[in-house]
């Protein structure tokens, strides 16, 4: 069995595919092409799909990042736990969307930055957090551009 977490534009409630059939979830209950699939049947393939999507976002050491962004306990997002228990449908939807992004690694790091902003300034209004995040992104872009502009190559190289 092969599970791929990805956007399925013609099925907005889908989290991806399972053996080329539309994969949907209601809570932790899986459905392939509308028919229910037991966790015991899909668990290992689901764990592999979560790992693949999370690796696209944060690299092979994704567990801390996935836990931080989702707010779930780190143990809850470990492969063997996913195999046994699955994960919430909302997390599958987030992973499917993010892994399908044109630049998933960049989006993954932006998601971590958003988690940091939300955690650090939990008391601020959403609009204030948006302004803070936008300014932070502008600052980060300017600092990286400056670093690249200031870089000096060794003599004789181009």
C-alpha atoms as a PDB file:
ATOM      1  CA  UNK A   1       0.000   0.000   0.000  1.00  0.00           C
ATOM      2  CA  UNK A   2       1.300   3.467  -0.886  1.00  0.00           C
ATOM      3  CA  UNK A   3       0.045   6.678   0.700  1.00  0.00           C
ATOM      4  CA  UNK A   4       1.019  10.074  -0.680  1.00  0.00           C
ATOM      5  CA  UNK A   5       0.073  13.223   1.220  1.00  0.00           C
ATOM      6  CA  UNK A   6      -0.572  15.921  -1.365  1.00  0.00           C
ATOM      7  CA  UNK A   7      -3.201  18.411  -2.460  1.00  0.00           C
ATOM      8  CA  UNK A   8      -5.941  16.972  -4.672  1.00  0.00           C
ATOM      9  CA  UNK A   9      -7.515  20.093  -6.230  1.00  0.00           C
ATOM     10  CA  UNK A  10     -10.632  18.347  -7.523  1.00  0.00           C
ATOM     11  CA  UNK A  11     -11.252  16.888  -4.024  1.00  0.00           C
ATOM     12  CA  UNK A  12     -10.661  19.633  -1.453  1.00  0.00           C
ATOM     13  CA  UNK A  13     -11.454  17.290   1.466  1.00  0.00           C
ATOM     14  CA  UNK A  14      -8.717  14.828   0.389  1.00  0.00           C
ATOM     15  CA  UNK A  15      -5.361  14.572   2.162  1.00  0.00           C
ATOM     16  CA  UNK A  16      -3.766  12.708  -0.731  1.00  0.00           C
ATOM     17  CA  UNK A  17      -3.960   9.306  -2.331  1.00  0.00           C
ATOM     18  CA  UNK A  18      -3.723   5.675  -1.317  1.00  0.00           C
ATOM     19  CA  UNK A  19      -2.819   3.366  -4.173  1.00  0.00           C
ATOM     20  CA  UNK A  20      -4.010   6.120  -6.561  1.00  0.00           C
ATOM     21  CA  UNK A  21      -7.445   6.366  -4.919  1.00  0.00           C
ATOM     22  CA  UNK A  22      -8.555   9.535  -3.162  1.00  0.00           C
ATOM     23  CA  UNK A  23      -7.610   9.414   0.531  1.00  0.00           C
ATOM     24  CA  UNK A  24      -9.857  11.257   2.968  1.00  0.00           C
ATOM     25  CA  UNK A  25     -10.014  11.309   6.728  1.00  0.00           C
ATOM     26  CA  UNK A  26     -12.717  12.027   9.255  1.00  0.00           C
ATOM     27  CA  UNK A  27     -10.949  12.395  12.571  1.00  0.00           C
ATOM     28  CA  UNK A  28      -8.586   9.426  12.566  1.00  0.00           C
ATOM     29  CA  UNK A  29     -10.750   7.277  10.287  1.00  0.00           C
ATOM     30  CA  UNK A  30      -9.328   6.731   6.788  1.00  0.00           C
ATOM     31  CA  UNK A  31     -11.309   6.306   3.582  1.00  0.00           C
ATOM     32  CA  UNK A  32      -9.947   5.275   0.178  1.00  0.00           C
ATOM     33  CA  UNK A  33     -12.344   6.122  -2.621  1.00  0.00           C
ATOM     34  CA  UNK A  34     -15.080   6.397   0.016  1.00  0.00           C
ATOM     35  CA  UNK A  35     -14.563   2.959   1.578  1.00  0.00           C
ATOM     36  CA  UNK A  36     -13.212   2.735   5.137  1.00  0.00           C
ATOM     37  CA  UNK A  37      -9.666   1.485   5.738  1.00  0.00           C
ATOM     38  CA  UNK A  38      -8.631   0.079   9.114  1.00  0.00           C
ATOM     39  CA  UNK A  39      -5.683   1.723  10.881  1.00  0.00           C
ATOM     40  CA  UNK A  40      -3.979  -1.674  10.961  1.00  0.00           C
ATOM     41  CA  UNK A  41      -4.129  -1.758   7.169  1.00  0.00           C
ATOM     42  CA  UNK A  42      -2.983   1.805   6.424  1.00  0.00           C
ATOM     43  CA  UNK A  43      -0.827   2.583   9.479  1.00  0.00           C
ATOM     44  CA  UNK A  44       2.628   1.732   8.155  1.00  0.00           C
ATOM     45  CA  UNK A  45       2.024   3.427   4.796  1.00  0.00           C
ATOM     46  CA  UNK A  46       0.602   6.479   6.575  1.00  0.00           C
ATOM     47  CA  UNK A  47       3.662   6.725   8.832  1.00  0.00           C
ATOM     48  CA  UNK A  48       5.910   6.594   5.748  1.00  0.00           C
ATOM     49  CA  UNK A  49       3.829   9.286   4.037  1.00  0.00           C
ATOM     50  CA  UNK A  50       4.001  11.566   7.089  1.00  0.00           C
ATOM     51  CA  UNK A  51       7.771  11.041   7.205  1.00  0.00           C
ATOM     52  CA  UNK A  52       8.096  11.832   3.486  1.00  0.00           C
ATOM     53  CA  UNK A  53       6.002  15.010   3.738  1.00  0.00           C
ATOM     54  CA  UNK A  54       7.718  16.198   6.928  1.00  0.00           C
ATOM     55  CA  UNK A  55      11.145  15.488   5.442  1.00  0.00           C
ATOM     56  CA  UNK A  56      10.243  17.648   2.431  1.00  0.00           C
ATOM     57  CA  UNK A  57       9.434  20.475   4.864  1.00  0.00           C
ATOM     58  CA  UNK A  58      12.186  20.160   7.504  1.00  0.00           C
ATOM     59  CA  UNK A  59      14.714  17.571   6.419  1.00  0.00           C
ATOM     60  CA  UNK A  60      15.439  14.185   7.915  1.00  0.00           C
ATOM     61  CA  UNK A  61      15.477  15.512  11.481  1.00  0.00           C
ATOM     62  CA  UNK A  62      11.852  16.625  11.258  1.00  0.00           C
ATOM     63  CA  UNK A  63      10.368  15.307  14.523  1.00  0.00           C
ATOM     64  CA  UNK A  64      11.024  18.406  16.625  1.00  0.00           C
ATOM     65  CA  UNK A  65       9.814  20.722  13.874  1.00  0.00           C
ATOM     66  CA  UNK A  66       6.648  18.706  13.263  1.00  0.00           C
ATOM     67  CA  UNK A  67       5.932  18.659  16.983  1.00  0.00           C
ATOM     68  CA  UNK A  68       6.620  22.390  17.333  1.00  0.00           C
ATOM     69  CA  UNK A  69       4.449  23.426  14.407  1.00  0.00           C
ATOM     70  CA  UNK A  70       1.560  21.078  15.239  1.00  0.00           C
ATOM     71  CA  UNK A  71       1.646  21.542  18.992  1.00  0.00           C
ATOM     72  CA  UNK A  72       1.528  17.749  19.383  1.00  0.00           C
ATOM     73  CA  UNK A  73       3.809  15.859  21.725  1.00  0.00           C
ATOM     74  CA  UNK A  74       6.965  14.694  19.964  1.00  0.00           C
ATOM     75  CA  UNK A  75       6.163  11.070  20.826  1.00  0.00           C
ATOM     76  CA  UNK A  76       2.805  11.405  19.039  1.00  0.00           C
ATOM     77  CA  UNK A  77       4.495  12.060  15.696  1.00  0.00           C
ATOM     78  CA  UNK A  78       7.018   9.210  15.831  1.00  0.00           C
ATOM     79  CA  UNK A  79       6.570   6.602  13.095  1.00  0.00           C
ATOM     80  CA  UNK A  80       5.597   3.647  15.285  1.00  0.00           C
ATOM     81  CA  UNK A  81       2.946   5.726  17.079  1.00  0.00           C
ATOM     82  CA  UNK A  82       1.544   6.910  13.753  1.00  0.00           C
ATOM     83  CA  UNK A  83       1.481   3.292  12.560  1.00  0.00           C
ATOM     84  CA  UNK A  84      -0.563   2.281  15.621  1.00  0.00           C
ATOM     85  CA  UNK A  85      -2.706   5.366  16.230  1.00  0.00           C
ATOM     86  CA  UNK A  86      -2.598   7.598  13.161  1.00  0.00           C
ATOM     87  CA  UNK A  87      -2.577  11.378  13.513  1.00  0.00           C
ATOM     88  CA  UNK A  88      -5.417  13.921  13.488  1.00  0.00           C
ATOM     89  CA  UNK A  89      -6.937  14.691  10.113  1.00  0.00           C
ATOM     90  CA  UNK A  90      -6.132  18.385  10.482  1.00  0.00           C
ATOM     91  CA  UNK A  91      -2.411  17.569  10.642  1.00  0.00           C
ATOM     92  CA  UNK A  92      -2.667  15.406   7.521  1.00  0.00           C
ATOM     93  CA  UNK A  93      -4.358  18.294   5.700  1.00  0.00           C
ATOM     94  CA  UNK A  94      -1.595  20.691   6.761  1.00  0.00           C
ATOM     95  CA  UNK A  95       1.146  18.265   5.704  1.00  0.00           C
ATOM     96  CA  UNK A  96      -0.560  17.549   2.375  1.00  0.00           C
ATOM     97  CA  UNK A  97      -0.878  21.242   1.557  1.00  0.00           C
ATOM     98  CA  UNK A  98       2.625  22.167   2.724  1.00  0.00           C
ATOM     99  CA  UNK A  99       4.393  19.229   1.053  1.00  0.00           C
ATOM    100  CA  UNK A 100       2.637  20.135  -2.206  1.00  0.00           C
ATOM    101  CA  UNK A 101       3.911  23.714  -2.051  1.00  0.00           C
ATOM    102  CA  UNK A 102       6.271  24.782  -4.870  1.00  0.00           C
ATOM    103  CA  UNK A 103       9.014  25.350  -2.267  1.00  0.00           C
ATOM    104  CA  UNK A 104       8.213  23.028   0.646  1.00  0.00           C
ATOM    105  CA  UNK A 105      11.481  23.536   2.554  1.00  0.00           C
ATOM    106  CA  UNK A 106      11.044  27.312   2.540  1.00  0.00           C
ATOM    107  CA  UNK A 107       7.424  26.948   3.656  1.00  0.00           C
ATOM    108  CA  UNK A 108       8.534  24.543   6.392  1.00  0.00           C
ATOM    109  CA  UNK A 109      10.969  27.087   7.790  1.00  0.00           C
ATOM    110  CA  UNK A 110       8.338  29.812   7.548  1.00  0.00           C
ATOM    111  CA  UNK A 111       5.971  27.545   9.501  1.00  0.00           C
ATOM    112  CA  UNK A 112       8.636  27.199  12.210  1.00  0.00           C
ATOM    113  CA  UNK A 113       9.062  30.965  12.260  1.00  0.00           C
ATOM    114  CA  UNK A 114       5.290  31.360  12.580  1.00  0.00           C
ATOM    115  CA  UNK A 115       5.270  28.918  15.504  1.00  0.00           C
ATOM    116  CA  UNK A 116       8.003  30.983  17.164  1.00  0.00           C
ATOM    117  CA  UNK A 117       6.087  34.231  16.656  1.00  0.00           C
ATOM    118  CA  UNK A 118       2.855  32.683  17.962  1.00  0.00           C
ATOM    119  CA  UNK A 119       4.591  31.135  20.983  1.00  0.00           C
ATOM    120  CA  UNK A 120       6.594  34.250  21.864  1.00  0.00           C
ATOM    121  CA  UNK A 121       3.716  36.694  21.517  1.00  0.00           C
ATOM    122  CA  UNK A 122       0.663  34.638  22.428  1.00  0.00           C
ATOM    123  CA  UNK A 123      -1.016  37.656  24.020  1.00  0.00           C
ATOM    124  CA  UNK A 124      -0.894  39.880  20.935  1.00  0.00           C
ATOM    125  CA  UNK A 125      -3.795  40.272  18.562  1.00  0.00           C
ATOM    126  CA  UNK A 126      -3.637  38.345  15.275  1.00  0.00           C
ATOM    127  CA  UNK A 127      -3.244  41.587  13.268  1.00  0.00           C
ATOM    128  CA  UNK A 128      -0.255  42.610  15.385  1.00  0.00           C
ATOM    129  CA  UNK A 129       1.302  39.179  14.916  1.00  0.00           C
ATOM    130  CA  UNK A 130       0.833  39.460  11.154  1.00  0.00           C
ATOM    131  CA  UNK A 131       2.651  42.794  11.113  1.00  0.00           C
ATOM    132  CA  UNK A 132       5.427  41.368  13.291  1.00  0.00           C
ATOM    133  CA  UNK A 133       5.775  38.334  11.032  1.00  0.00           C
ATOM    134  CA  UNK A 134       5.805  40.455   7.858  1.00  0.00           C
ATOM    135  CA  UNK A 135       8.467  42.730   9.331  1.00  0.00           C
ATOM    136  CA  UNK A 136      10.469  39.697  10.453  1.00  0.00           C
ATOM    137  CA  UNK A 137      10.361  38.229   6.945  1.00  0.00           C
ATOM    138  CA  UNK A 138      11.415  41.565   5.415  1.00  0.00           C
ATOM    139  CA  UNK A 139      14.281  41.824   7.928  1.00  0.00           C
ATOM    140  CA  UNK A 140      15.386  38.247   7.224  1.00  0.00           C
ATOM    141  CA  UNK A 141      15.321  38.804   3.453  1.00  0.00           C
ATOM    142  CA  UNK A 142      17.325  42.030   3.828  1.00  0.00           C
ATOM    143  CA  UNK A 143      19.907  40.406   6.132  1.00  0.00           C
ATOM    144  CA  UNK A 144      20.445  37.430   3.822  1.00  0.00           C
ATOM    145  CA  UNK A 145      20.702  39.716   0.777  1.00  0.00           C
ATOM    146  CA  UNK A 146      23.238  41.867   2.618  1.00  0.00           C
ATOM    147  CA  UNK A 147      25.280  38.842   3.652  1.00  0.00           C
ATOM    148  CA  UNK A 148      25.374  37.627   0.061  1.00  0.00           C
ATOM    149  CA  UNK A 149      26.258  41.085  -1.241  1.00  0.00           C
ATOM    150  CA  UNK A 150      29.062  41.454   1.328  1.00  0.00           C
ATOM    151  CA  UNK A 151      30.592  38.051   0.655  1.00  0.00           C
ATOM    152  CA  UNK A 152      34.034  38.385  -0.864  1.00  0.00           C
ATOM    153  CA  UNK A 153      35.413  35.625  -3.041  1.00  0.00           C
ATOM    154  CA  UNK A 154      39.122  34.664  -2.853  1.00  0.00           C
ATOM    155  CA  UNK A 155      41.389  36.485  -5.322  1.00  0.00           C
ATOM    156  CA  UNK A 156      41.371  35.030  -8.795  1.00  0.00           C
ATOM    157  CA  UNK A 157      37.912  33.404  -8.532  1.00  0.00           C
ATOM    158  CA  UNK A 158      34.667  34.592  -9.993  1.00  0.00           C
END
